[in-house]
């Protein structure tokens, strides 16, 4: 019996420990390759003066509506193009194209995020203009996209008031990686249990430097604060 128990003990360790180490190495290699592609993307964007934002959020936070309204507001002032990321369908890209703005859809299948290699190909397909804005709408997920640099100038995390106000504490990596948090759908505040000041406090505990704008994309409430921020950032990088 002792012999069998000892064998079982060794069996577990001989397989589990190398597997765990192998998974860590695979993840490190994956992120290393992604970071190399992100550096190439960033160099291309700088050479062509393309200002790139990576919009991240949970599903349903309102990223596509935010982009549609942003395009309507700014399209006569700056060239804009969009890369859409979803696991399936072209629905979001179709909504962007309906505004007359070029858009490429990347369907990631079972993957939960966009990666820098895919973005590099999409930029070539898109033919993004020099001196333009490129908005990347990432797959709806507050976990995976935080680790993948796409070569963007800024990550912008969109949080709607229909979600929990404790999201910044639950998903700290994303809020730490973002430079700006947009608290969206503020027109719904009277109807939901969302403490906006508590949410802001939580976000700043995770990332003291994060900038925060409250707005409603559908009602236009404080929307100019967002477009003013965007134009100021473009000007700063030009």
Foldseek 3Di string as FASTA:
>chain_A
DVVVVVVVVVVVVVPPPVVVVVVVVVVVVVLVVLVVLLVVVLVVCLVLLEAEEEEEAAPPLCPLLLVLLLCVVPVVPFQEEEEEEEQDDCVSQVSNVVSVHHYHYDRPNPDQWDTQVVVVVRCVVRVDHRNHYYYYYIYRDLEPHLSHRNNHPFYEYEAEQQDELLVCVVRVSSLQRGQEYEHEPVVCVVPGDYDNVSSVVSSCVSPVRHHYHYAYSVVGRRSVVVSVVVVVVSVVSD
